Amino acid sequence: MIRTLFNLAAAFAVAACASASTQSARDVRDGDPATINRDCKLLGTVNGRSVFGGSEEGRAEGAKLSAREKAAQLGATHIVFLKVDTSGMLNTGYATARAYRCPDK
């Protein structure tokens, strides 16, 4: 039983490391909360999650990348993070953000 749980956890960890971010997720930039509401269109709220293990910083970055990928799927150009939390169960990280589409300047 313990061996099965260990193998399952290892499989999740490998899957998390193997998932590469898309180019469009890398294109979603951080927005300035002070000005983004007047210049850009709010597309919605996105949530990201990182899978087991790693450092606290690594879990936070994984969750933020997951949220950026979801924002990119909505067509966002910018993102404003509302909350990033790494205190979840099983060493997971969570991020909540708002996705925006801003005009080209």
Protein backbone atom coordinates (compact mmCIF):
# COMPACT_ATOMS: atom_id res chain seq x y z
CA MET A 1 0.00 0.00 0.00
CA ILE A 2 2.75 2.46 0.95
CA ARG A 3 4.67 1.56 -2.19
CA THR A 4 1.59 2.22 -4.36
CA LEU A 5 1.08 5.64 -2.76
CA PHE A 6 4.77 6.47 -3.25
CA ASN A 7 4.60 5.45 -6.92
CA LEU A 8 1.47 7.54 -7.42
CA ALA A 9 3.09 10.59 -5.82
CA ALA A 10 6.20 10.10 -7.94
CA ALA A 11 4.08 9.91 -11.11
CA PHE A 12 2.36 13.20 -10.24
CA ALA A 13 5.70 14.86 -9.58
CA VAL A 14 7.11 13.71 -12.91
CA ALA A 15 3.99 14.87 -14.75
CA ALA A 16 4.26 18.30 -13.13
CA CYS A 17 7.89 18.67 -14.18
CA ALA A 18 7.21 17.42 -17.69
CA SER A 19 4.46 19.91 -18.48
CA ALA A 20 6.01 22.75 -20.43
CA SER A 21 4.45 26.16 -20.58
CA THR A 22 3.09 27.38 -23.85
CA GLN A 23 4.53 30.42 -25.58
CA SER A 24 1.25 32.28 -25.12
CA ALA A 25 1.40 31.76 -21.34
CA ARG A 26 4.87 33.32 -21.32
CA ASP A 27 3.45 36.30 -23.21
CA VAL A 28 0.92 37.13 -20.46
CA ARG A 29 2.57 39.97 -18.57
CA ASP A 30 1.99 41.28 -15.06
CA GLY A 31 -0.39 44.22 -15.04
CA ASP A 32 -0.30 47.33 -12.87
CA PRO A 33 -3.29 47.10 -10.51
CA ALA A 34 -3.47 50.91 -10.29
CA THR A 35 -4.17 51.46 -14.00
CA ILE A 36 -5.24 48.19 -15.58
CA ASN A 37 -8.97 48.60 -14.84
CA ARG A 38 -9.28 51.82 -16.83
CA ASP A 39 -7.11 50.77 -19.79
CA CYS A 40 -8.00 47.08 -20.26
CA LYS A 41 -10.93 44.70 -20.51
CA LEU A 42 -11.45 42.24 -17.66
CA LEU A 43 -11.82 38.73 -19.11
CA GLY A 44 -12.37 36.89 -15.85
CA THR A 45 -10.79 35.34 -12.79
CA VAL A 46 -8.40 32.40 -13.21
CA ASN A 47 -7.03 29.94 -10.69
CA GLY A 48 -3.75 28.08 -10.91
CA ARG A 49 -2.39 25.15 -8.99
CA SER A 50 1.00 23.54 -8.64
CA VAL A 51 1.44 19.89 -7.85
CA PHE A 52 3.30 18.26 -4.96
CA GLY A 53 6.66 19.13 -3.57
CA GLY A 54 9.51 21.46 -4.23
CA SER A 55 10.40 24.66 -2.47
CA GLU A 56 7.82 27.18 -1.38
CA GLU A 57 9.01 29.54 -4.12
CA GLY A 58 8.81 26.75 -6.70
CA ARG A 59 5.25 25.88 -5.71
CA ALA A 60 4.25 29.57 -5.92
CA GLU A 61 5.84 29.96 -9.37
CA GLY A 62 4.18 26.75 -10.59
CA ALA A 63 0.77 27.98 -9.45
CA LYS A 64 1.33 31.36 -11.09
CA LEU A 65 2.38 29.70 -14.35
CA SER A 66 -0.75 27.56 -14.26
CA ALA A 67 -2.87 30.70 -13.83
CA ARG A 68 -1.00 32.41 -16.71
CA GLU A 69 -1.78 29.44 -18.96
CA LYS A 70 -5.48 29.71 -18.15
CA ALA A 71 -5.37 33.47 -18.74
CA ALA A 72 -3.70 32.88 -22.12
CA GLN A 73 -6.51 30.50 -23.06
CA LEU A 74 -8.95 33.37 -22.45
CA GLY A 75 -6.92 35.61 -24.75
CA ALA A 76 -5.39 37.70 -21.97
CA THR A 77 -2.38 39.92 -22.46
CA HIS A 78 -1.98 40.85 -18.78
CA ILE A 79 -2.65 39.32 -15.38
CA VAL A 80 -2.98 40.71 -11.85
CA PHE A 81 -2.45 38.21 -9.04
CA LEU A 82 -4.87 38.55 -6.15
CA LYS A 83 -3.53 35.75 -3.96
CA VAL A 84 -0.73 33.18 -4.05
CA ASP A 85 -0.78 30.55 -1.30
CA THR A 86 1.59 27.65 -0.66
CA SER A 87 0.10 26.44 2.61
CA GLY A 88 -2.21 23.89 0.99
CA MET A 89 -2.35 20.19 1.70
CA LEU A 90 0.28 17.90 0.20
CA ASN A 91 2.71 20.76 -0.53
CA THR A 92 0.61 22.29 -3.28
CA GLY A 93 0.45 25.92 -4.32
CA TYR A 94 -2.57 27.95 -5.39
CA ALA A 95 -2.86 31.26 -7.24
CA THR A 96 -5.89 33.43 -7.96
CA ALA A 97 -5.65 36.21 -10.54
CA ARG A 98 -7.65 38.43 -12.85
CA ALA A 99 -7.02 38.13 -16.58
CA TYR A 100 -7.15 41.25 -18.80
CA ARG A 101 -6.87 42.05 -22.50
CA CYS A 102 -5.11 45.35 -23.03
CA PRO A 103 -4.79 47.29 -26.28
CA ASP A 104 -1.43 47.37 -28.04
CA LYS A 105 0.49 50.55 -27.36
